[in-house]
């Protein structure tokens, strides 16, 4: 089965998931979403210069998989970490790939999951 990297998906070419921080998870019958401090690349319309002391431009957003028909957790271990500023996160999204069957595979410190849903999207909060 071939895998397409997330940055080749529509709407994902100007974000950088590997250094974005997962700050929460929304899991209902209508959606599975990773709440993020999302890194934007310079070409993104919401991009601005990083704040003092930050390496990237971060925006609060969610990576949303609407109307899931399959959520298969291969591993799941949401253990919070506290950063130097006292904020809690669950690590990064180390990989996100679109699979041939239309599903997506994601993994990070928080686990690994296969999701079949509407096409993934980024929703700014």
N, C-alpha and C. Protein backbone atom coordinates (compact mmCIF):
# COMPACT_ATOMS: atom_id res chain seq x y z
N UNK A 1 0.86 -1.18 0.00
CA UNK A 1 0.00 0.00 0.00
C UNK A 1 0.90 1.24 0.00
N UNK A 2 0.66 2.15 -0.93
CA UNK A 2 1.48 3.35 -0.97
C UNK A 2 0.94 4.39 0.00
N UNK A 3 1.82 5.28 0.40
CA UNK A 3 1.48 6.32 1.37
C UNK A 3 1.91 7.67 0.81
N UNK A 4 1.02 8.64 0.93
CA UNK A 4 1.30 10.00 0.47
C UNK A 4 1.52 10.87 1.70
N UNK A 5 2.61 11.65 1.75
CA UNK A 5 2.84 12.51 2.91
C UNK A 5 1.78 13.61 3.02
N UNK A 6 1.49 14.02 4.25
CA UNK A 6 0.42 14.98 4.50
C UNK A 6 0.58 16.27 3.72
N UNK A 7 1.80 16.73 3.51
CA UNK A 7 2.00 18.03 2.85
C UNK A 7 1.63 18.01 1.37
N UNK A 8 1.31 16.84 0.84
CA UNK A 8 0.80 16.75 -0.53
C UNK A 8 -0.73 16.78 -0.57
N UNK A 9 -1.39 16.80 0.58
CA UNK A 9 -2.84 16.87 0.65
C UNK A 9 -3.30 18.32 0.53
N UNK A 10 -4.48 18.55 -0.07
CA UNK A 10 -4.99 19.92 -0.19
C UNK A 10 -5.10 20.61 1.17
N UNK A 11 -4.54 21.82 1.26
CA UNK A 11 -4.61 22.61 2.49
C UNK A 11 -3.51 22.34 3.49
N UNK A 12 -2.60 21.42 3.19
CA UNK A 12 -1.57 21.05 4.15
C UNK A 12 -0.15 21.44 3.72
N UNK A 13 -0.02 22.10 2.58
CA UNK A 13 1.32 22.40 2.08
C UNK A 13 2.03 23.51 2.85
N UNK A 14 1.30 24.31 3.62
CA UNK A 14 1.93 25.42 4.34
C UNK A 14 1.85 25.26 5.86
N UNK A 15 1.77 24.00 6.31
CA UNK A 15 1.83 23.70 7.75
C UNK A 15 2.95 22.69 7.98
N UNK A 16 3.41 22.62 9.21
CA UNK A 16 4.50 21.72 9.57
C UNK A 16 4.08 20.96 10.83
N UNK A 17 3.57 19.74 10.64
CA UNK A 17 3.03 18.98 11.76
C UNK A 17 4.10 18.46 12.72
N UNK A 18 5.27 18.15 12.20
CA UNK A 18 6.29 17.50 13.02
C UNK A 18 6.74 18.36 14.21
N UNK A 19 6.64 19.68 14.13
CA UNK A 19 6.98 20.54 15.26
C UNK A 19 5.77 21.23 15.87
N UNK A 20 4.57 20.83 15.44
CA UNK A 20 3.34 21.30 16.06
C UNK A 20 3.10 20.47 17.32
N UNK A 21 2.44 21.05 18.30
CA UNK A 21 2.20 20.37 19.57
C UNK A 21 0.74 19.96 19.69
N UNK A 22 0.51 18.70 20.04
CA UNK A 22 -0.83 18.20 20.31
C UNK A 22 -1.19 18.62 21.73
N UNK A 23 -2.26 19.40 21.86
CA UNK A 23 -2.67 19.88 23.18
C UNK A 23 -3.97 19.25 23.65
N UNK A 24 -4.61 18.47 22.78
CA UNK A 24 -5.84 17.80 23.16
C UNK A 24 -6.36 16.90 22.06
N UNK A 25 -7.40 16.15 22.38
CA UNK A 25 -8.03 15.24 21.44
C UNK A 25 -9.53 15.36 21.60
N UNK A 26 -10.24 15.48 20.48
CA UNK A 26 -11.71 15.47 20.48
C UNK A 26 -12.11 14.20 19.75
N UNK A 27 -12.86 13.34 20.41
CA UNK A 27 -13.25 12.07 19.80
C UNK A 27 -14.74 11.86 20.07
N UNK A 28 -15.55 12.12 19.04
CA UNK A 28 -17.00 11.93 19.11
C UNK A 28 -17.41 11.11 17.89
N UNK A 29 -18.68 10.83 17.77
CA UNK A 29 -19.18 10.14 16.59
C UNK A 29 -19.09 11.00 15.34
N UNK A 30 -19.02 12.31 15.52
CA UNK A 30 -18.99 13.24 14.39
C UNK A 30 -17.59 13.64 13.94
N UNK A 31 -16.61 13.49 14.83
CA UNK A 31 -15.25 13.90 14.46
C UNK A 31 -14.22 13.24 15.36
N UNK A 32 -13.02 13.13 14.81
CA UNK A 32 -11.83 12.86 15.61
C UNK A 32 -10.88 13.99 15.24
N UNK A 33 -10.51 14.79 16.22
CA UNK A 33 -9.66 15.96 15.97
C UNK A 33 -8.53 16.02 16.97
N UNK A 34 -7.37 16.37 16.46
CA UNK A 34 -6.22 16.67 17.29
C UNK A 34 -6.17 18.18 17.46
N UNK A 35 -6.26 18.65 18.69
CA UNK A 35 -6.14 20.08 18.97
C UNK A 35 -4.64 20.38 19.01
N UNK A 36 -4.25 21.44 18.30
CA UNK A 36 -2.82 21.70 18.08
C UNK A 36 -2.43 23.14 18.34
N UNK A 37 -1.18 23.31 18.72
CA UNK A 37 -0.47 24.56 18.49
C UNK A 37 0.27 24.29 17.19
N UNK A 38 -0.33 24.74 16.09
CA UNK A 38 0.06 24.37 14.74
C UNK A 38 1.13 25.31 14.19
N UNK A 39 2.20 24.75 13.64
CA UNK A 39 3.25 25.53 13.01
C UNK A 39 2.82 25.88 11.59
N UNK A 40 2.86 27.18 11.28
CA UNK A 40 2.57 27.65 9.92
C UNK A 40 3.87 28.01 9.21
N UNK A 41 3.95 27.65 7.95
CA UNK A 41 5.09 28.04 7.12
C UNK A 41 4.86 29.46 6.60
N UNK A 42 5.92 30.09 6.13
CA UNK A 42 5.85 31.49 5.71
C UNK A 42 4.83 31.74 4.61
N UNK A 43 4.53 30.76 3.78
CA UNK A 43 3.58 30.95 2.69
C UNK A 43 2.12 30.87 3.10
N UNK A 44 1.84 30.55 4.36
CA UNK A 44 0.45 30.43 4.82
C UNK A 44 -0.14 31.82 5.01
N UNK A 45 -1.41 32.03 4.61
CA UNK A 45 -2.03 33.36 4.76
C UNK A 45 -2.14 33.85 6.20
N UNK A 46 -2.14 32.98 7.18
CA UNK A 46 -2.21 33.39 8.60
C UNK A 46 -0.83 33.51 9.25
N UNK A 47 0.20 33.34 8.46
CA UNK A 47 1.56 33.40 9.00
C UNK A 47 1.91 34.82 9.47
N UNK A 48 2.64 34.89 10.57
CA UNK A 48 3.28 36.13 11.02
C UNK A 48 4.62 35.74 11.64
N UNK A 49 5.46 36.70 11.84
CA UNK A 49 6.77 36.41 12.43
C UNK A 49 6.60 35.74 13.78
N UNK A 50 7.48 34.79 14.11
CA UNK A 50 7.38 34.12 15.42
C UNK A 50 7.46 35.12 16.57
N UNK A 51 6.77 34.81 17.65
CA UNK A 51 6.84 35.63 18.85
C UNK A 51 8.23 35.53 19.46
N UNK A 52 8.57 36.49 20.28
CA UNK A 52 9.88 36.48 20.95
C UNK A 52 10.06 35.17 21.70
N UNK A 53 11.20 34.54 21.50
CA UNK A 53 11.52 33.30 22.17
C UNK A 53 10.97 32.05 21.50
N UNK A 54 10.24 32.22 20.39
CA UNK A 54 9.69 31.06 19.68
C UNK A 54 10.37 30.91 18.32
N UNK A 55 10.52 29.68 17.92
CA UNK A 55 11.18 29.38 16.65
C UNK A 55 10.22 29.50 15.47
N UNK A 56 8.93 29.25 15.70
CA UNK A 56 7.94 29.19 14.63
C UNK A 56 6.76 30.10 14.90
N UNK A 57 5.95 30.28 13.86
CA UNK A 57 4.64 30.92 13.99
C UNK A 57 3.66 29.82 14.36
N UNK A 58 3.06 29.92 15.53
CA UNK A 58 2.08 28.93 15.99
C UNK A 58 0.69 29.54 15.95
N UNK A 59 -0.30 28.72 15.59
CA UNK A 59 -1.70 29.11 15.65
C UNK A 59 -2.48 27.97 16.28
N UNK A 60 -3.47 28.33 17.10
CA UNK A 60 -4.33 27.33 17.74
C UNK A 60 -5.31 26.81 16.69
N UNK A 61 -5.31 25.52 16.46
CA UNK A 61 -6.13 24.91 15.41
C UNK A 61 -6.43 23.48 15.78
N UNK A 62 -7.26 22.87 14.97
CA UNK A 62 -7.46 21.43 15.11
C UNK A 62 -7.31 20.77 13.75
N UNK A 63 -6.71 19.61 13.78
CA UNK A 63 -6.59 18.74 12.62
C UNK A 63 -7.80 17.82 12.71
N UNK A 64 -8.79 18.06 11.82
CA UNK A 64 -10.08 17.43 11.96
C UNK A 64 -10.31 16.35 10.91
N UNK A 65 -10.82 15.22 11.40
CA UNK A 65 -11.29 14.12 10.56
C UNK A 65 -12.79 14.01 10.85
N UNK A 66 -13.60 14.60 9.96
CA UNK A 66 -15.05 14.64 10.17
C UNK A 66 -15.70 13.35 9.68
N UNK A 67 -16.77 12.97 10.35
CA UNK A 67 -17.59 11.82 10.00
C UNK A 67 -16.76 10.54 9.85
N UNK A 68 -16.02 10.17 10.88
CA UNK A 68 -15.18 8.97 10.77
C UNK A 68 -16.01 7.71 10.61
N UNK A 69 -15.56 6.85 9.71
CA UNK A 69 -16.19 5.54 9.54
C UNK A 69 -15.31 4.44 10.12
N UNK A 70 -14.04 4.78 10.38
CA UNK A 70 -13.10 3.85 11.01
C UNK A 70 -12.13 4.64 11.86
N UNK A 71 -11.95 4.26 13.09
CA UNK A 71 -10.89 4.77 13.96
C UNK A 71 -10.27 3.54 14.60
N UNK A 72 -9.06 3.22 14.18
CA UNK A 72 -8.37 2.03 14.71
C UNK A 72 -7.07 2.47 15.37
N UNK A 73 -7.09 2.49 16.69
CA UNK A 73 -5.90 2.84 17.46
C UNK A 73 -4.98 1.63 17.49
N UNK A 74 -3.79 1.77 16.93
CA UNK A 74 -2.79 0.69 17.01
C UNK A 74 -2.08 0.74 18.35
N UNK A 75 -1.81 1.94 18.83
CA UNK A 75 -1.33 2.18 20.18
C UNK A 75 -1.95 3.49 20.65
N UNK A 76 -2.07 3.66 21.95
CA UNK A 76 -2.67 4.89 22.48
C UNK A 76 -2.09 5.13 23.86
N UNK A 77 -1.40 6.26 24.02
CA UNK A 77 -0.77 6.55 25.31
C UNK A 77 -0.64 8.06 25.49
N UNK A 78 -1.76 8.71 25.70
CA UNK A 78 -1.76 10.16 25.90
C UNK A 78 -1.24 10.48 27.30
N UNK A 79 0.06 10.71 27.39
CA UNK A 79 0.69 11.08 28.65
C UNK A 79 1.17 12.52 28.52
N UNK A 80 0.67 13.41 29.35
CA UNK A 80 1.04 14.81 29.20
C UNK A 80 2.48 15.10 29.61
N UNK A 81 3.05 16.07 28.92
CA UNK A 81 4.36 16.62 29.29
C UNK A 81 4.15 18.10 29.54
N UNK A 82 4.90 18.66 30.44
CA UNK A 82 4.80 20.09 30.75
C UNK A 82 6.04 20.78 30.23
N UNK A 83 5.84 21.82 29.41
CA UNK A 83 6.99 22.53 28.85
C UNK A 83 7.51 23.58 29.84
N UNK A 84 8.54 24.31 29.44
CA UNK A 84 9.19 25.28 30.33
C UNK A 84 8.25 26.39 30.78
N UNK A 85 7.22 26.70 29.96
CA UNK A 85 6.28 27.76 30.33
C UNK A 85 5.12 27.23 31.17
N UNK A 86 5.11 25.91 31.45
CA UNK A 86 4.07 25.33 32.27
C UNK A 86 2.88 24.80 31.48
N UNK A 87 2.93 24.91 30.15
CA UNK A 87 1.84 24.41 29.32
C UNK A 87 1.98 22.90 29.11
N UNK A 88 0.83 22.24 29.03
CA UNK A 88 0.80 20.78 28.85
C UNK A 88 0.59 20.45 27.38
N UNK A 89 1.35 19.46 26.89
CA UNK A 89 1.09 18.93 25.56
C UNK A 89 1.37 17.43 25.56
N UNK A 90 1.02 16.80 24.45
CA UNK A 90 1.15 15.35 24.31
C UNK A 90 2.15 14.97 23.22
N UNK A 91 3.03 15.88 22.89
CA UNK A 91 4.02 15.61 21.86
C UNK A 91 3.59 16.14 20.51
N UNK A 92 4.18 15.60 19.47
CA UNK A 92 3.97 16.07 18.10
C UNK A 92 3.25 15.02 17.28
N UNK A 93 2.92 15.40 16.07
CA UNK A 93 2.47 14.43 15.07
C UNK A 93 3.70 14.13 14.24
N UNK A 94 4.33 13.01 14.53
CA UNK A 94 5.59 12.67 13.87
C UNK A 94 5.38 12.22 12.43
N UNK A 95 4.21 11.67 12.14
CA UNK A 95 3.91 11.22 10.77
C UNK A 95 2.42 11.31 10.54
N UNK A 96 2.06 11.75 9.35
CA UNK A 96 0.68 11.68 8.87
C UNK A 96 0.76 11.36 7.39
N UNK A 97 0.11 10.27 7.01
CA UNK A 97 0.17 9.82 5.62
C UNK A 97 -1.21 9.41 5.16
N UNK A 98 -1.53 9.76 3.91
CA UNK A 98 -2.77 9.32 3.27
C UNK A 98 -2.50 7.96 2.63
N UNK A 99 -3.38 7.01 2.87
CA UNK A 99 -3.23 5.66 2.34
C UNK A 99 -4.10 5.50 1.08
N UNK A 100 -3.77 4.50 0.29
CA UNK A 100 -4.49 4.24 -0.97
C UNK A 100 -5.99 4.08 -0.80
N UNK A 101 -6.42 3.52 0.32
CA UNK A 101 -7.84 3.26 0.52
C UNK A 101 -8.62 4.49 0.99
N UNK A 102 -7.95 5.66 1.05
CA UNK A 102 -8.61 6.90 1.46
C UNK A 102 -8.50 7.19 2.94
N UNK A 103 -7.94 6.29 3.72
CA UNK A 103 -7.75 6.53 5.15
C UNK A 103 -6.43 7.26 5.38
N UNK A 104 -6.21 7.66 6.61
CA UNK A 104 -4.96 8.32 7.00
C UNK A 104 -4.35 7.58 8.18
N UNK A 105 -3.03 7.56 8.18
CA UNK A 105 -2.27 6.97 9.29
C UNK A 105 -1.53 8.10 9.98
N UNK A 106 -1.65 8.18 11.31
CA UNK A 106 -0.95 9.19 12.10
C UNK A 106 -0.24 8.50 13.24
N UNK A 107 0.93 9.06 13.62
CA UNK A 107 1.63 8.55 14.79
C UNK A 107 2.40 9.65 15.47
N UNK A 108 2.63 9.43 16.76
CA UNK A 108 3.40 10.35 17.59
C UNK A 108 3.61 9.72 18.95
N UNK A 109 4.13 10.49 19.89
CA UNK A 109 4.33 9.99 21.26
C UNK A 109 3.02 9.52 21.89
N UNK A 110 1.91 10.07 21.44
CA UNK A 110 0.58 9.77 21.97
C UNK A 110 0.01 8.46 21.43
N UNK A 111 0.63 7.88 20.38
CA UNK A 111 0.16 6.62 19.84
C UNK A 111 0.21 6.58 18.32
N UNK A 112 -0.59 5.67 17.76
CA UNK A 112 -0.70 5.52 16.31
C UNK A 112 -2.14 5.15 16.00
N UNK A 113 -2.69 5.75 14.93
CA UNK A 113 -4.10 5.54 14.61
C UNK A 113 -4.30 5.56 13.10
N UNK A 114 -5.24 4.74 12.64
CA UNK A 114 -5.70 4.78 11.25
C UNK A 114 -7.12 5.32 11.29
N UNK A 115 -7.40 6.32 10.45
CA UNK A 115 -8.71 6.97 10.44
C UNK A 115 -9.23 7.01 9.01
N UNK A 116 -10.47 6.54 8.82
CA UNK A 116 -11.19 6.72 7.56
C UNK A 116 -12.30 7.72 7.85
N UNK A 117 -12.36 8.78 7.04
CA UNK A 117 -13.30 9.87 7.31
C UNK A 117 -13.43 10.72 6.05
N UNK A 118 -14.15 11.84 6.20
CA UNK A 118 -14.09 12.86 5.16
C UNK A 118 -12.62 13.28 5.03
N UNK A 119 -12.24 13.95 3.95
CA UNK A 119 -10.84 14.38 3.84
C UNK A 119 -10.43 15.21 5.07
N UNK A 120 -9.21 15.02 5.57
CA UNK A 120 -8.78 15.80 6.74
C UNK A 120 -8.72 17.28 6.41
N UNK A 121 -8.94 18.08 7.44
CA UNK A 121 -8.90 19.53 7.26
C UNK A 121 -8.32 20.19 8.50
N UNK A 122 -7.91 21.43 8.33
CA UNK A 122 -7.40 22.23 9.43
C UNK A 122 -8.43 23.31 9.72
N UNK A 123 -8.85 23.38 10.98
CA UNK A 123 -9.83 24.37 11.40
C UNK A 123 -9.16 25.24 12.46
N UNK A 124 -9.09 26.55 12.21
CA UNK A 124 -8.47 27.46 13.17
C UNK A 124 -9.46 27.81 14.26
N UNK A 125 -8.96 27.84 15.50
CA UNK A 125 -9.82 28.08 16.67
C UNK A 125 -9.66 29.49 17.19
